[in-house]
Amino acid sequence: MADRPNYTLEDNPVYTEEIPAIQNDDDVSADKVVNPLITKILNNQKANHQLAQAAKSSADSAGQTAGKAIPLTQKGAANGVPTLDSAGKIPKAQLPTVGGYVRQSSSPSDSSLLWIDSGNSNKMKYYNGSSWVPVPATWG
């Protein structure tokens, strides 16, 4: 095998295009071989430099976007933000109890409401955890 020179490359090279073209001492080695090869090397170097710059810009942008995201520890937590259920609504457990009442002949599905039973002499009822019971005449 022929003895070939080893090229020593810098660890952190600086981008440059300042490589002079070889003069035409030998027409085959300059204009037709060496200079086109150097041009390709420089174009590849420039393309790699541009790709690296674009990747850095993209990474910086992604970092800024991620920095604006809500941490998972704040989702559904006190003083955080609510999550959404499969219907895209805030689960009832994450909403404050606001009360209120409904007047209808059948019991409501929302057990946090008072129910005025219009099918039973407009009796006011509340849910005690297992069933709807009439509100006593006197609270206490």
Protein backbone atom coordinates (compact mmCIF):
# COMPACT_ATOMS: atom_id res chain seq x y z
CA MET A 1 0.00 0.00 0.00
CA ALA A 2 1.29 3.45 -0.90
CA ASP A 3 2.43 5.76 1.86
CA ARG A 4 -0.27 8.44 2.19
CA PRO A 5 -0.09 11.67 4.16
CA ASN A 6 -2.21 12.03 7.27
CA TYR A 7 -4.19 15.21 7.51
CA THR A 8 -4.42 16.90 10.89
CA LEU A 9 -7.76 18.60 11.42
CA GLU A 10 -8.57 21.10 14.11
CA ASP A 11 -10.88 20.02 16.95
CA ASN A 12 -13.01 23.17 16.62
CA PRO A 13 -12.47 24.55 13.12
CA VAL A 14 -13.80 27.98 12.19
CA TYR A 15 -15.86 28.26 9.01
CA THR A 16 -14.05 30.04 6.18
CA GLU A 17 -14.10 30.17 2.38
CA GLU A 18 -10.64 31.69 2.11
CA ILE A 19 -8.95 28.88 0.21
CA PRO A 20 -7.26 30.13 -2.96
CA ALA A 21 -7.71 28.24 -6.21
CA ILE A 22 -4.71 26.27 -7.42
CA GLN A 23 -3.09 27.81 -10.46
CA ASN A 24 -2.96 26.00 -13.78
CA ASP A 25 0.58 24.66 -13.68
CA ASP A 26 -0.93 21.36 -14.75
CA ASP A 27 -4.27 21.78 -16.54
CA VAL A 28 -5.58 18.36 -15.47
CA SER A 29 -4.83 18.74 -11.79
CA ALA A 30 -6.01 22.34 -11.34
CA ASP A 31 -9.16 23.32 -13.29
CA LYS A 32 -10.43 19.82 -13.98
CA VAL A 33 -9.68 17.94 -10.75
CA VAL A 34 -8.40 19.85 -7.74
CA ASN A 35 -10.36 23.11 -7.96
CA PRO A 36 -13.76 21.40 -8.59
CA LEU A 37 -13.00 19.05 -5.66
CA ILE A 38 -12.15 21.96 -3.36
CA THR A 39 -15.32 23.75 -4.52
CA LYS A 40 -17.39 20.68 -3.59
CA ILE A 41 -15.67 20.44 -0.21
CA LEU A 42 -16.31 24.13 0.48
CA ASN A 43 -19.95 23.83 -0.63
CA ASN A 44 -20.42 20.83 1.68
CA GLN A 45 -18.77 22.72 4.50
CA LYS A 46 -21.04 25.71 3.91
CA ALA A 47 -24.14 23.46 3.70
CA ASN A 48 -23.18 21.77 6.98
CA HIS A 49 -22.67 25.15 8.59
CA GLN A 50 -26.11 26.31 7.39
CA LEU A 51 -27.76 23.09 8.60
CA ALA A 52 -26.13 23.48 12.00
CA GLN A 53 -27.36 27.08 12.24
CA ALA A 54 -30.91 26.01 11.26
CA ALA A 55 -30.85 23.17 13.80
CA LYS A 56 -29.70 25.55 16.54
CA SER A 57 -32.45 28.01 15.63
CA SER A 58 -35.04 25.23 15.67
CA ALA A 59 -33.77 23.95 19.04
CA ASP A 60 -33.86 27.47 20.49
CA SER A 61 -37.45 27.90 19.28
CA ALA A 62 -38.47 24.52 20.74
CA GLY A 63 -36.85 25.48 24.04
CA GLN A 64 -38.84 28.72 24.15
CA THR A 65 -42.07 26.85 23.40
CA ALA A 66 -41.34 24.24 26.06
CA GLY A 67 -40.57 27.00 28.55
CA LYS A 68 -44.10 28.33 28.11
CA ALA A 69 -45.72 24.93 28.71
CA ILE A 70 -47.65 24.16 31.88
CA PRO A 71 -45.76 21.67 34.06
CA LEU A 72 -47.58 18.35 34.56
CA THR A 73 -47.41 18.88 38.33
CA GLN A 74 -49.76 21.89 37.97
CA LYS A 75 -52.44 20.03 36.01
CA GLY A 76 -55.41 19.15 38.20
CA ALA A 77 -53.58 20.44 41.30
CA ALA A 78 -54.61 23.13 43.77
CA ASN A 79 -53.60 26.59 42.48
CA GLY A 80 -52.80 24.94 39.14
CA VAL A 81 -54.90 24.42 36.04
CA PRO A 82 -57.77 21.97 35.51
CA THR A 83 -57.54 18.97 33.22
CA LEU A 84 -60.18 18.04 30.64
CA ASP A 85 -62.19 14.84 30.46
CA SER A 86 -62.79 12.80 27.29
CA ALA A 87 -65.60 15.21 26.30
CA GLY A 88 -63.25 18.20 26.58
CA LYS A 89 -64.88 19.49 29.77
CA ILE A 90 -63.46 20.21 33.22
CA PRO A 91 -64.30 17.30 35.56
CA LYS A 92 -66.81 18.22 38.26
CA ALA A 93 -64.33 17.24 40.99
CA GLN A 94 -62.08 20.10 39.86
CA LEU A 95 -64.83 22.73 40.00
CA PRO A 96 -65.90 24.56 43.14
CA THR A 97 -69.31 23.69 44.55
CA VAL A 98 -71.61 26.50 43.55
CA GLY A 99 -74.95 25.05 44.60
CA GLY A 100 -78.20 26.05 43.01
CA TYR A 101 -81.41 24.15 42.46
CA VAL A 102 -83.56 22.64 39.75
CA ARG A 103 -87.32 22.28 39.59
CA GLN A 104 -88.41 19.15 37.77
CA SER A 105 -90.36 15.95 38.30
CA SER A 106 -87.35 13.59 38.25
CA SER A 107 -84.21 13.75 40.37
CA PRO A 108 -81.28 15.57 38.75
CA SER A 109 -78.07 13.77 37.84
CA ASP A 110 -76.06 16.49 39.61
CA SER A 111 -76.29 15.59 43.29
CA SER A 112 -74.74 18.91 44.41
CA LEU A 113 -77.97 20.73 43.54
CA LEU A 114 -81.12 21.12 45.57
CA TRP A 115 -84.11 19.54 43.86
CA ILE A 116 -87.59 20.95 43.91
CA ASP A 117 -89.66 17.87 43.16
CA SER A 118 -92.46 19.25 40.97
CA GLY A 119 -94.03 15.78 40.81
CA ASN A 120 -94.39 15.67 44.62
CA SER A 121 -95.96 18.95 45.83
CA ASN A 122 -92.81 20.97 45.03
CA LYS A 123 -90.93 19.48 47.99
CA MET A 124 -87.33 20.63 48.22
CA LYS A 125 -84.90 17.72 48.49
CA TYR A 126 -81.17 17.26 48.85
CA TYR A 127 -78.93 14.29 48.20
CA ASN A 128 -77.58 12.81 51.45
CA GLY A 129 -74.97 10.59 49.79
CA SER A 130 -77.25 7.67 49.04
CA SER A 131 -80.71 9.05 48.26
CA TRP A 132 -82.76 12.22 47.77
CA VAL A 133 -84.48 13.27 51.01
CA PRO A 134 -86.79 16.19 51.81
CA VAL A 135 -85.21 19.28 53.35
CA PRO A 136 -86.51 19.58 56.94
CA ALA A 137 -88.65 22.57 57.77
CA THR A 138 -85.89 23.82 60.06
CA TRP A 139 -82.22 23.46 59.27
CA GLY A 140 -80.03 22.57 62.12
